[in-house]
């Protein structure tokens, strides 16, 4: 998993990109999630908050996809 911050804070919040990748059968699969988290001097705190926010966003995405399949 990679967490990237490319922009300056906006109103005390950072736009953070969380990239999840996996290789199976010599083929790569990637999921990118962009989330906003509070700015902090601690990069580990930003990463932890970004993972948590990405998890919540992915749960909503999975629920929406599952609802469409029904």
C-alpha atoms as a PDB file:
ATOM      1  CA  UNK A   1       0.000   0.000   0.000  1.00  0.00           C
ATOM      2  CA  UNK A   2       1.232   3.449  -0.858  1.00  0.00           C
ATOM      3  CA  UNK A   3       0.026   6.733   0.595  1.00  0.00           C
ATOM      4  CA  UNK A   4       0.792   9.891  -1.361  1.00  0.00           C
ATOM      5  CA  UNK A   5       0.285  13.568  -0.548  1.00  0.00           C
ATOM      6  CA  UNK A   6       0.784  15.789  -3.581  1.00  0.00           C
ATOM      7  CA  UNK A   7      -0.961  19.024  -2.674  1.00  0.00           C
ATOM      8  CA  UNK A   8      -0.848  21.717  -0.043  1.00  0.00           C
ATOM      9  CA  UNK A   9      -3.548  21.685   2.650  1.00  0.00           C
ATOM     10  CA  UNK A  10      -6.910  23.296   1.897  1.00  0.00           C
ATOM     11  CA  UNK A  11      -8.791  24.650   4.905  1.00  0.00           C
ATOM     12  CA  UNK A  12      -6.658  22.471   7.185  1.00  0.00           C
ATOM     13  CA  UNK A  13      -7.306  19.291   5.198  1.00  0.00           C
ATOM     14  CA  UNK A  14      -5.016  17.247   2.948  1.00  0.00           C
ATOM     15  CA  UNK A  15      -6.106  15.370  -0.153  1.00  0.00           C
ATOM     16  CA  UNK A  16      -4.353  12.015   0.188  1.00  0.00           C
ATOM     17  CA  UNK A  17      -4.196   9.219  -2.370  1.00  0.00           C
ATOM     18  CA  UNK A  18      -4.174   5.658  -1.010  1.00  0.00           C
ATOM     19  CA  UNK A  19      -3.086   3.065  -3.568  1.00  0.00           C
ATOM     20  CA  UNK A  20      -3.629  -0.619  -2.945  1.00  0.00           C
ATOM     21  CA  UNK A  21      -1.950  -3.027  -5.300  1.00  0.00           C
ATOM     22  CA  UNK A  22      -1.687  -6.777  -5.669  1.00  0.00           C
ATOM     23  CA  UNK A  23      -0.004  -9.073  -8.130  1.00  0.00           C
ATOM     24  CA  UNK A  24      -1.557 -12.430  -8.929  1.00  0.00           C
ATOM     25  CA  UNK A  25      -0.769 -14.699 -11.857  1.00  0.00           C
ATOM     26  CA  UNK A  26       1.894 -12.178 -12.940  1.00  0.00           C
ATOM     27  CA  UNK A  27      -0.762  -9.501 -13.408  1.00  0.00           C
ATOM     28  CA  UNK A  28      -1.181  -6.390 -11.338  1.00  0.00           C
ATOM     29  CA  UNK A  29      -4.408  -5.052  -9.876  1.00  0.00           C
ATOM     30  CA  UNK A  30      -4.708  -1.567  -8.430  1.00  0.00           C
ATOM     31  CA  UNK A  31      -7.306   0.373  -6.465  1.00  0.00           C
ATOM     32  CA  UNK A  32      -6.806   4.114  -5.925  1.00  0.00           C
ATOM     33  CA  UNK A  33      -8.807   5.972  -3.296  1.00  0.00           C
ATOM     34  CA  UNK A  34      -8.601   9.726  -2.803  1.00  0.00           C
ATOM     35  CA  UNK A  35      -9.627  10.965   0.655  1.00  0.00           C
ATOM     36  CA  UNK A  36      -9.391  14.143   2.717  1.00  0.00           C
ATOM     37  CA  UNK A  37      -7.788  14.010   6.167  1.00  0.00           C
ATOM     38  CA  UNK A  38      -6.804  16.685   8.692  1.00  0.00           C
ATOM     39  CA  UNK A  39      -3.352  18.163   8.109  1.00  0.00           C
ATOM     40  CA  UNK A  40      -0.729  17.188  10.662  1.00  0.00           C
ATOM     41  CA  UNK A  41       3.004  17.517  11.236  1.00  0.00           C
ATOM     42  CA  UNK A  42       3.053  13.733  11.790  1.00  0.00           C
ATOM     43  CA  UNK A  43       3.241  11.769   8.549  1.00  0.00           C
ATOM     44  CA  UNK A  44       2.399   8.564  10.428  1.00  0.00           C
ATOM     45  CA  UNK A  45      -0.789  10.196  11.755  1.00  0.00           C
ATOM     46  CA  UNK A  46      -1.725  11.309   8.234  1.00  0.00           C
ATOM     47  CA  UNK A  47      -1.093   7.777   6.929  1.00  0.00           C
ATOM     48  CA  UNK A  48      -3.197   6.196   9.698  1.00  0.00           C
ATOM     49  CA  UNK A  49      -6.080   8.599   9.102  1.00  0.00           C
ATOM     50  CA  UNK A  50      -5.829   8.082   5.328  1.00  0.00           C
ATOM     51  CA  UNK A  51      -5.997   4.286   5.707  1.00  0.00           C
ATOM     52  CA  UNK A  52      -9.038   4.599   7.949  1.00  0.00           C
ATOM     53  CA  UNK A  53     -10.811   7.037   5.609  1.00  0.00           C
ATOM     54  CA  UNK A  54      -9.961   4.862   2.584  1.00  0.00           C
ATOM     55  CA  UNK A  55     -11.363   1.793   4.336  1.00  0.00           C
ATOM     56  CA  UNK A  56     -14.655   3.589   5.010  1.00  0.00           C
ATOM     57  CA  UNK A  57     -14.831   4.800   1.400  1.00  0.00           C
ATOM     58  CA  UNK A  58     -14.104   1.318   0.066  1.00  0.00           C
ATOM     59  CA  UNK A  59     -16.821  -0.197   2.290  1.00  0.00           C
ATOM     60  CA  UNK A  60     -19.333   2.272   0.825  1.00  0.00           C
ATOM     61  CA  UNK A  61     -18.134   1.434  -2.686  1.00  0.00           C
ATOM     62  CA  UNK A  62     -18.472  -2.317  -2.100  1.00  0.00           C
ATOM     63  CA  UNK A  63     -21.986  -1.859  -0.689  1.00  0.00           C
ATOM     64  CA  UNK A  64     -23.003   0.210  -3.706  1.00  0.00           C
ATOM     65  CA  UNK A  65     -21.573  -2.370  -6.117  1.00  0.00           C
ATOM     66  CA  UNK A  66     -23.285  -5.223  -4.303  1.00  0.00           C
ATOM     67  CA  UNK A  67     -26.615  -3.341  -4.397  1.00  0.00           C
ATOM     68  CA  UNK A  68     -26.281  -2.932  -8.169  1.00  0.00           C
ATOM     69  CA  UNK A  69     -25.649  -6.669  -8.570  1.00  0.00           C
ATOM     70  CA  UNK A  70     -28.870  -7.570  -6.719  1.00  0.00           C
END
